[in-house]
Protein backbone atom coordinates (compact mmCIF):
# COMPACT_ATOMS: atom_id res chain seq x y z
CA MET A 1 35.10 101.42 -68.38
CA SER A 2 37.41 101.94 -71.38
CA GLU A 3 40.99 100.68 -71.49
CA TYR A 4 42.23 104.27 -71.16
CA GLN A 5 40.07 104.96 -68.10
CA GLU A 6 41.17 101.68 -66.54
CA ALA A 7 44.83 102.58 -67.15
CA SER A 8 44.31 106.05 -65.62
CA LYS A 9 42.75 104.48 -62.53
CA THR A 10 45.54 101.90 -62.23
CA LEU A 11 48.34 104.48 -62.51
CA PHE A 12 46.61 106.96 -60.22
CA THR A 13 46.45 104.39 -57.41
CA GLN A 14 49.88 102.84 -58.11
CA ARG A 15 52.33 102.68 -55.22
CA SER A 16 56.06 102.10 -55.17
CA GLU A 17 56.93 98.41 -55.39
CA ASN A 18 58.99 95.81 -57.21
CA ILE A 19 57.59 95.17 -60.70
CA SER A 20 58.24 92.03 -62.74
CA PHE A 21 58.21 92.31 -66.52
CA HIS A 22 59.03 90.40 -69.70
CA ARG A 23 61.26 91.65 -72.48
CA GLU A 24 62.18 90.07 -75.78
CA ASP A 25 65.86 89.80 -74.71
CA ILE A 26 65.23 89.21 -70.99
CA GLU A 27 63.04 86.30 -69.95
CA HIS A 28 62.34 87.73 -66.51
CA GLY A 29 63.09 91.33 -65.56
CA ASN A 30 62.41 93.22 -62.36
CA TYR A 31 62.20 96.92 -61.65
CA HIS A 32 62.24 98.77 -58.34
CA LEU A 33 59.58 101.44 -58.79
CA THR A 34 59.94 104.42 -56.42
CA ASP A 35 57.56 107.26 -55.60
CA GLN A 36 59.62 109.43 -57.95
CA HIS A 37 58.98 107.00 -60.81
CA ILE A 38 55.27 106.84 -60.02
CA GLY A 39 54.92 110.62 -59.90
CA ALA A 40 56.61 111.04 -63.29
CA ILE A 41 54.56 108.24 -64.89
CA GLN A 42 51.32 109.73 -63.59
CA ALA A 43 52.29 113.22 -64.76
CA ALA A 44 53.07 112.00 -68.29
CA PHE A 45 50.09 109.71 -68.71
CA LEU A 46 47.43 111.97 -67.22
CA SER A 47 48.68 115.00 -69.19
CA ASN A 48 49.00 112.89 -72.37
CA ARG A 49 52.65 113.88 -72.78
CA PRO A 50 55.71 111.73 -73.55
CA LEU A 51 57.82 110.75 -70.55
CA LEU A 52 61.43 111.77 -71.19
CA VAL A 53 63.74 109.67 -69.00
CA ARG A 54 67.27 111.06 -68.73
CA GLY A 55 70.37 109.70 -67.03
CA ASP A 56 73.66 107.85 -67.40
CA PRO A 57 73.71 104.51 -69.25
CA GLY A 58 72.82 101.52 -67.12
CA LEU A 59 70.33 103.18 -64.78
CA GLY A 60 67.27 101.33 -66.09
CA LYS A 61 65.75 103.97 -68.37
CA SER A 62 64.58 101.53 -71.05
CA GLN A 63 63.42 98.93 -68.53
CA LEU A 64 61.02 101.48 -67.06
CA ALA A 65 58.90 101.24 -70.22
CA TYR A 66 58.54 97.49 -69.70
CA ALA A 67 57.67 98.00 -66.03
CA ILE A 68 54.90 100.44 -67.02
CA ALA A 69 53.59 97.95 -69.58
CA SER A 70 53.59 95.22 -66.94
CA ILE A 71 51.55 97.39 -64.55
CA LEU A 72 48.96 98.13 -67.24
CA ASP A 73 49.10 94.72 -68.95
CA TRP A 74 50.02 96.44 -72.21
CA GLY A 75 52.42 95.56 -74.99
CA VAL A 76 55.68 97.35 -75.79
CA VAL A 77 56.80 98.64 -79.18
CA LYS A 78 60.47 99.61 -79.14
CA ALA A 79 62.13 101.98 -81.61
CA VAL A 80 65.91 102.09 -81.25
CA VAL A 81 67.31 105.41 -82.49
CA GLN A 82 70.58 105.51 -84.44
CA TYR A 83 72.57 108.48 -85.70
CA ASN A 84 70.88 108.22 -89.11
CA THR A 85 67.31 107.58 -87.90
CA THR A 86 64.72 109.84 -89.51
CA VAL A 87 61.17 110.59 -88.48
CA GLU A 88 60.00 109.05 -91.76
CA SER A 89 61.59 105.69 -90.91
CA LEU A 90 59.80 105.71 -87.54
CA LEU A 91 56.45 106.41 -89.22
CA TYR A 92 56.59 104.23 -92.34
CA ASP A 93 58.92 103.03 -95.05
CA VAL A 94 58.53 101.89 -98.65
CA ASP A 95 60.43 98.79 -99.77
CA HIS A 96 61.61 100.14 -103.12
CA ILE A 97 63.94 97.18 -103.72
CA GLU A 98 61.10 94.67 -103.42
CA ARG A 99 58.94 96.86 -105.68
CA LEU A 100 61.71 96.97 -108.29
CA HIS A 101 62.02 93.20 -108.09
CA PHE A 102 58.29 92.77 -108.75
CA ALA A 103 58.47 95.32 -111.57
CA ASN A 104 60.99 93.12 -113.35
CA LEU A 105 58.55 90.23 -113.31
CA GLN A 106 56.46 90.39 -116.47
CA THR A 107 53.54 88.71 -114.73
CA GLN A 108 52.92 91.69 -112.41
CA SER A 109 50.14 94.16 -113.25
CA LYS A 110 50.29 97.90 -112.52
CA GLN A 111 47.87 97.36 -109.66
CA ASN A 112 50.26 94.90 -108.05
CA LEU A 113 53.02 97.52 -108.28
CA SER A 114 51.07 100.17 -106.38
CA VAL A 115 53.33 101.84 -103.80
CA ASN A 116 50.99 101.07 -100.91
CA ARG A 117 51.56 97.34 -101.47
CA PHE A 118 55.19 97.87 -100.45
CA LEU A 119 54.41 100.14 -97.51
CA LYS A 120 55.93 99.08 -94.19
CA PRO A 121 54.36 100.69 -91.10
CA GLY A 122 57.03 102.04 -88.74
CA LYS A 123 57.24 101.64 -84.99
CA ILE A 124 55.29 104.82 -84.19
CA TRP A 125 52.47 103.88 -86.57
CA GLN A 126 52.30 100.35 -85.11
CA ALA A 127 52.20 101.72 -81.56
CA ILE A 128 49.76 104.62 -81.69
CA ALA A 129 47.42 103.60 -84.52
CA PRO A 130 47.37 99.78 -84.73
CA ASN A 131 43.68 99.78 -85.67
CA SER A 132 44.58 101.33 -89.03
CA LEU A 133 46.77 98.35 -89.91
CA ASP A 134 43.62 96.37 -90.75
CA LYS A 135 42.66 99.10 -93.20
CA LEU A 136 46.05 98.91 -94.88
CA ALA A 137 45.80 95.11 -95.05
CA ALA A 138 42.36 95.38 -96.69
CA GLU A 139 43.56 98.03 -99.13
CA VAL A 140 46.46 95.91 -100.39
CA ASP A 141 44.82 92.52 -99.78
CA GLY A 142 47.73 91.56 -97.54
CA ASP A 143 48.41 90.13 -94.09
CA ILE A 144 49.48 92.98 -91.81
CA LYS A 145 49.18 92.21 -88.13
CA PRO A 146 49.43 94.49 -85.09
CA PRO A 147 52.64 94.18 -83.02
CA HIS A 148 50.82 92.49 -80.12
CA GLU A 149 47.33 91.60 -78.90
CA LYS A 150 47.26 93.71 -75.72
CA GLY A 151 44.69 96.44 -75.10
CA GLY A 152 47.25 99.28 -75.03
CA THR A 153 50.85 100.08 -75.97
CA VAL A 154 53.91 101.64 -74.38
CA LEU A 155 55.98 103.13 -77.20
CA LEU A 156 59.67 103.17 -76.24
CA ILE A 157 61.81 105.57 -78.28
CA ASP A 158 65.24 104.57 -77.05
CA GLU A 159 68.31 106.84 -76.94
CA ILE A 160 66.86 109.76 -78.87
CA ASP A 161 70.01 111.79 -78.18
CA LYS A 162 71.91 109.66 -80.70
CA ALA A 163 70.06 111.31 -83.57
CA ASP A 164 70.38 114.79 -84.99
CA SER A 165 68.32 117.49 -83.24
CA SER A 166 65.98 117.53 -86.24
CA LEU A 167 64.49 114.17 -85.15
CA PRO A 168 62.93 115.23 -81.82
CA ASN A 169 61.67 118.42 -83.46
CA ALA A 170 60.08 116.43 -86.27
CA LEU A 171 58.41 114.12 -83.74
CA LEU A 172 56.63 117.00 -82.01
CA ASP A 173 53.76 117.29 -84.47
CA VAL A 174 53.08 113.54 -84.58
CA LEU A 175 53.20 113.15 -80.80
CA ASP A 176 51.07 116.26 -80.27
CA THR A 177 48.31 115.41 -82.73
CA GLY A 178 48.54 111.62 -82.93
CA GLU A 179 48.19 111.92 -86.70
CA ILE A 180 50.48 110.43 -89.34
CA SER A 181 50.46 111.91 -92.81
CA CYS A 182 51.11 109.27 -95.46
CA PRO A 183 50.57 110.01 -99.17
CA TYR A 184 50.31 106.32 -100.05
CA THR A 185 47.11 105.45 -98.16
CA ASN A 186 43.48 106.26 -98.88
CA PHE A 187 42.52 106.53 -95.21
CA PRO A 188 43.57 108.71 -92.27
CA ILE A 189 46.12 107.36 -89.80
CA LYS A 190 45.11 108.75 -86.44
CA ALA A 191 45.63 107.59 -82.89
CA SER A 192 42.72 107.21 -80.49
CA GLN A 193 43.34 106.87 -76.77
CA GLU A 194 39.84 105.45 -76.36
CA GLN A 195 40.18 102.77 -79.05
CA HIS A 196 43.80 101.88 -78.29
CA PRO A 197 45.45 103.83 -75.44
CA TYR A 198 49.19 104.36 -75.53
CA MET A 199 51.99 106.03 -73.61
CA VAL A 200 55.28 107.28 -75.03
CA VAL A 201 58.55 106.80 -73.13
CA VAL A 202 61.64 108.49 -74.58
CA THR A 203 65.11 107.82 -73.17
CA SER A 204 68.26 109.93 -73.39
CA ASN A 205 71.83 109.36 -72.20
CA GLU A 206 72.34 113.12 -72.66
CA GLU A 207 75.17 112.68 -75.14
CA ARG A 208 73.80 115.80 -76.80
CA LEU A 209 71.28 118.41 -75.72
CA LEU A 210 67.69 118.01 -76.85
CA PRO A 211 65.80 121.00 -78.29
CA MET A 212 63.92 123.07 -75.72
CA ALA A 213 60.76 122.82 -77.83
CA PHE A 214 60.85 119.04 -77.36
CA ILE A 215 61.60 119.21 -73.62
CA ARG A 216 58.74 121.67 -73.20
CA ARG A 217 56.28 119.04 -74.42
CA CYS A 218 57.51 116.21 -72.19
CA ALA A 219 57.17 115.14 -68.59
CA ILE A 220 60.71 114.68 -67.24
CA LEU A 221 62.21 111.96 -65.08
CA ASP A 222 65.90 112.35 -64.25
CA LEU A 223 67.47 109.13 -62.97
CA THR A 224 70.56 109.36 -60.79
CA LEU A 225 72.56 106.91 -58.73
CA ASP A 226 73.21 108.69 -55.44
CA ASN A 227 73.92 106.00 -52.85
CA LYS A 228 74.47 102.29 -52.44
CA GLU A 229 71.04 101.87 -50.85
CA GLN A 230 69.57 102.38 -54.32
CA LEU A 231 71.65 99.50 -55.63
CA ILE A 232 70.63 97.29 -52.73
CA ALA A 233 66.96 98.06 -53.43
CA ILE A 234 67.49 97.17 -57.11
CA TYR A 235 69.13 93.88 -56.07
CA ASN A 236 66.20 93.10 -53.79
CA ALA A 237 63.80 93.64 -56.69
CA HIS A 238 65.75 91.28 -58.95
CA GLN A 239 66.47 88.51 -56.44
CA PHE A 240 62.77 88.14 -55.76
CA ASN A 241 62.33 86.02 -58.91
CA ASP A 242 65.89 84.71 -59.20
CA GLU A 243 66.85 81.88 -56.86
CA LYS A 244 70.56 82.12 -57.76
CA LEU A 245 70.73 85.83 -56.95
CA ALA A 246 68.82 85.27 -53.72
CA GLU A 247 71.62 82.92 -52.53
CA LEU A 248 74.18 85.76 -52.44
CA SER A 249 75.08 86.99 -48.98
CA SER A 250 74.22 90.55 -48.02
CA ASP A 251 77.91 91.21 -47.27
CA LEU A 252 78.91 90.23 -50.80
CA VAL A 253 76.16 92.37 -52.36
CA GLU A 254 77.31 95.34 -50.27
CA GLN A 255 80.92 94.77 -51.34
CA VAL A 256 79.91 95.03 -54.98
CA ALA A 257 77.77 98.12 -54.32
CA ASP A 258 80.63 99.81 -52.42
CA PHE A 259 83.06 99.08 -55.25
CA ILE A 260 80.63 100.49 -57.83
CA PHE A 261 80.50 103.79 -55.95
CA LYS A 262 84.26 103.82 -55.45
CA GLN A 263 84.71 103.51 -59.20
CA ARG A 264 82.06 106.16 -59.91
CA SER A 265 83.87 108.65 -57.67
CA HIS A 266 87.22 108.08 -59.43
CA ALA A 267 86.11 107.48 -63.02
CA LYS A 268 87.05 110.19 -65.51
CA ASP A 269 85.06 108.93 -68.50
CA TYR A 270 82.95 105.79 -67.93
CA LYS A 271 80.98 105.42 -64.69
CA PRO A 272 79.66 101.95 -63.82
CA GLY A 273 75.99 101.76 -62.87
CA THR A 274 73.17 99.33 -62.25
CA SER A 275 74.00 97.24 -65.34
CA GLU A 276 77.53 96.50 -64.07
CA PHE A 277 76.19 95.91 -60.57
CA LEU A 278 73.64 93.32 -61.70
CA ASP A 279 76.01 91.70 -64.22
CA THR A 280 78.59 91.19 -61.48
CA LEU A 281 76.04 89.71 -59.08
CA ARG A 282 74.65 87.38 -61.75
CA ALA A 283 78.16 86.17 -62.56
CA LEU A 284 78.96 85.66 -58.87
CA SER A 285 75.77 83.65 -58.37
CA GLN A 286 77.04 81.04 -60.83
CA PHE A 287 80.01 80.14 -58.63
CA ASP A 288 79.98 78.00 -55.50
CA LYS A 289 79.62 79.95 -52.28
CA GLU A 290 83.22 79.23 -51.27
CA GLU A 291 84.59 80.69 -54.51
CA ARG A 292 82.58 83.91 -54.71
CA THR A 293 84.78 86.22 -52.64
CA VAL A 294 87.89 85.24 -54.61
CA LYS A 295 86.14 85.39 -57.98
CA LEU A 296 84.82 88.86 -57.20
CA GLU A 297 88.32 90.33 -57.62
CA THR A 298 88.54 88.96 -61.17
CA LEU A 299 84.99 90.00 -62.07
CA LYS A 300 85.66 93.56 -60.90
CA GLN A 301 88.40 93.92 -63.52
CA HIS A 302 86.21 92.79 -66.39
CA LEU A 303 82.69 93.90 -65.47
CA ILE A 304 83.10 97.06 -63.39
CA THR A 305 86.49 98.69 -64.02
CA LYS A 306 85.86 99.90 -67.55
CA LYS A 307 87.38 102.67 -69.62
CA GLN A 308 86.07 104.29 -72.78
CA GLN A 309 89.33 103.44 -74.51
CA ARG A 310 92.67 101.81 -73.79
CA ASN A 311 95.49 103.94 -72.39
């Protein structure tokens, strides 16, 4: 059974549960996977479409990619989108400064100044076509390694709504065909789900509308925070592997959840979410039990009651 077939089988039989994962900036993470999550993941993977995850900041959109990777035992390649991100920078880049530096060295031959020697594969290339990195390494006699050693990859394109609308439109062809056109290589760069399966997760805070053409080619998962029971379930997922969090009383956890929803109902600009909820609980867990109720009032001011700008 191929890695892709194994992944299809795993996701098709997946049930809602608490998933533990690793992230480069979080040693141990946990995610509460619901039936809604599972349905969206299955729809995206089995239709070979990107999963577009939309919702307010702090609802766990990015973490979902790591939870999926944990389920499949895959690696994650993360591309963080900025306002000036271009599709070219996500595919590949050429280090012209380094090339100029080598050009100024009289010992360098024309062959050593070939553009492909200064080619830097971008996040999308690394994620969907890692097998071609060996070909590039052989072509330039260099040491170019894949981003991880797992059998498949979850490509996380984070906060795509930060970029101009031209970016998602430009991504359509690459994500549809799995082919990257690069004039500096002598070999095709093409993804293969059988050789190295991958799944694309795209997140959006909906700061700006995405083009309909892009939405049309995605499976959609809209994350919302509707009641405090969701927060309690998220806490339960995280306290499973965190002894300090597990020490918090249920009354204290509910107090924090209630305050989060009170702030969300009154907030005019910034609405606190799961990030503020978990940050507050983690901070509380560092205090002695006798201090926690008193300290909560101070933590509310600094971790939950936030405004986009000062009055």
